[in-house]
Amino acid sequence: MNKTWAEPSHVGKVTISILDILAREFHMESGKDKIDHNLLIKLGGACGYQAQLYSGLQKNHEFAKRLQRIEKEIQNESAESLAMRNNPVISAEADRESRLDGR
């Protein structure tokens, strides 16, 4: 048995598959002559829950990719160059110069 984390794409596919099944059940139930409103509410809530899971997964995956890119950038830079690039005085001067150039 695999004891590591699953790939986000695989988890996303499983989540979307579950969401498709729930949506299909919702539409089948809503098309019946005698509608079970309690079942429709439960299916709708389950669809919303699966959609939230998928949205959270996507946000976490994008955040992880950004974090990896930042970590890679920091590893390749020296402390001095990072400090100079993130220096608020230098940033303020660059902003002021760009505003003056725009006049």
Protein backbone atom coordinates (compact mmCIF):
# COMPACT_ATOMS: atom_id res chain seq x y z
CA MET A 1 0.00 0.00 0.00
CA ASN A 2 1.31 3.43 -0.96
CA LYS A 3 1.82 5.55 2.17
CA THR A 4 2.77 8.83 0.49
CA TRP A 5 0.56 11.69 -0.63
CA ALA A 6 -1.33 11.22 -3.90
CA GLU A 7 -0.68 13.54 -6.80
CA PRO A 8 -3.07 16.52 -6.87
CA SER A 9 -4.13 15.70 -10.43
CA HIS A 10 -5.22 12.21 -9.36
CA VAL A 11 -7.12 13.54 -6.34
CA GLY A 12 -8.74 16.17 -8.57
CA LYS A 13 -9.87 13.51 -11.06
CA VAL A 14 -11.38 11.42 -8.27
CA THR A 15 -13.15 14.46 -6.80
CA ILE A 16 -14.57 15.45 -10.20
CA SER A 17 -15.68 11.86 -10.81
CA ILE A 18 -17.57 11.82 -7.50
CA LEU A 19 -19.08 15.24 -8.32
CA ASP A 20 -20.26 13.96 -11.72
CA ILE A 21 -21.96 10.94 -10.11
CA LEU A 22 -23.67 13.12 -7.50
CA ALA A 23 -24.83 15.60 -10.15
CA ARG A 24 -26.18 12.77 -12.30
CA GLU A 25 -28.12 11.41 -9.32
CA PHE A 26 -29.45 14.91 -8.57
CA HIS A 27 -30.70 15.37 -12.13
CA MET A 28 -32.24 11.89 -12.22
CA GLU A 29 -34.11 12.56 -8.95
CA SER A 30 -35.26 16.01 -10.04
CA GLY A 31 -36.66 14.56 -13.27
CA LYS A 32 -38.96 12.11 -11.49
CA ASP A 33 -42.69 12.68 -11.13
CA LYS A 34 -42.60 12.24 -7.36
CA ILE A 35 -39.56 14.18 -6.13
CA ASP A 36 -37.94 13.36 -2.81
CA HIS A 37 -36.96 16.86 -1.66
CA ASN A 38 -34.90 15.57 1.26
CA LEU A 39 -32.78 13.49 -1.12
CA LEU A 40 -32.39 16.49 -3.45
CA ILE A 41 -31.17 18.63 -0.55
CA LYS A 42 -28.68 15.96 0.51
CA LEU A 43 -27.42 15.49 -3.05
CA GLY A 44 -27.11 19.25 -3.54
CA GLY A 45 -25.16 19.56 -0.30
CA ALA A 46 -22.89 16.70 -1.30
CA CYS A 47 -22.26 18.35 -4.68
CA GLY A 48 -21.37 21.61 -2.94
CA TYR A 49 -19.03 19.81 -0.57
CA GLN A 50 -17.22 18.05 -3.43
CA ALA A 51 -16.93 21.35 -5.31
CA GLN A 52 -15.40 22.97 -2.20
CA LEU A 53 -12.91 20.12 -1.88
CA TYR A 54 -11.87 20.51 -5.49
CA SER A 55 -11.53 24.29 -5.14
CA GLY A 56 -9.41 23.92 -2.00
CA LEU A 57 -7.23 21.35 -3.71
CA GLN A 58 -6.63 23.66 -6.66
CA LYS A 59 -5.76 26.60 -4.40
CA ASN A 60 -3.36 24.49 -2.35
CA HIS A 61 -1.72 23.09 -5.47
CA GLU A 62 -1.20 26.56 -6.95
CA PHE A 63 0.15 27.83 -3.62
CA ALA A 64 2.58 24.91 -3.41
CA LYS A 65 3.87 25.62 -6.93
CA ARG A 66 4.40 29.31 -6.07
CA LEU A 67 6.18 28.36 -2.85
CA GLN A 68 8.50 25.97 -4.69
CA ARG A 69 9.32 28.70 -7.23
CA ILE A 70 10.13 31.15 -4.42
CA GLU A 71 12.27 28.59 -2.58
CA LYS A 72 14.20 27.88 -5.78
CA GLU A 73 14.75 31.59 -6.32
CA ILE A 74 15.94 32.12 -2.74
CA GLN A 75 18.38 29.21 -2.93
CA ASN A 76 20.07 30.71 -5.99
CA GLU A 77 20.45 34.20 -4.50
CA SER A 78 22.84 35.52 -1.93
CA ALA A 79 21.61 37.26 1.20
CA GLU A 80 23.00 40.60 -0.01
CA SER A 81 21.24 40.49 -3.38
CA LEU A 82 17.95 39.50 -1.74
CA ALA A 83 18.30 42.35 0.74
CA MET A 84 19.04 44.88 -1.99
CA ARG A 85 16.17 43.70 -4.15
CA ASN A 86 13.70 43.86 -1.23
CA ASN A 87 15.03 47.10 0.24
CA PRO A 88 12.09 49.51 0.76
CA VAL A 89 14.25 52.57 0.07
CA ILE A 90 15.34 51.23 -3.31
CA SER A 91 11.78 50.20 -4.12
CA ALA A 92 10.46 53.66 -3.19
CA GLU A 93 13.10 55.35 -5.36
CA ALA A 94 12.25 53.10 -8.30
CA ASP A 95 8.54 53.89 -7.87
CA ARG A 96 9.26 57.61 -7.72
CA GLU A 97 11.39 57.47 -10.85
CA SER A 98 8.75 55.51 -12.76
CA ARG A 99 6.11 58.10 -11.77
CA LEU A 100 8.35 60.95 -12.88
CA ASP A 101 9.02 59.20 -16.21
CA GLY A 102 5.27 58.88 -16.78
CA ARG A 103 4.70 62.66 -16.70
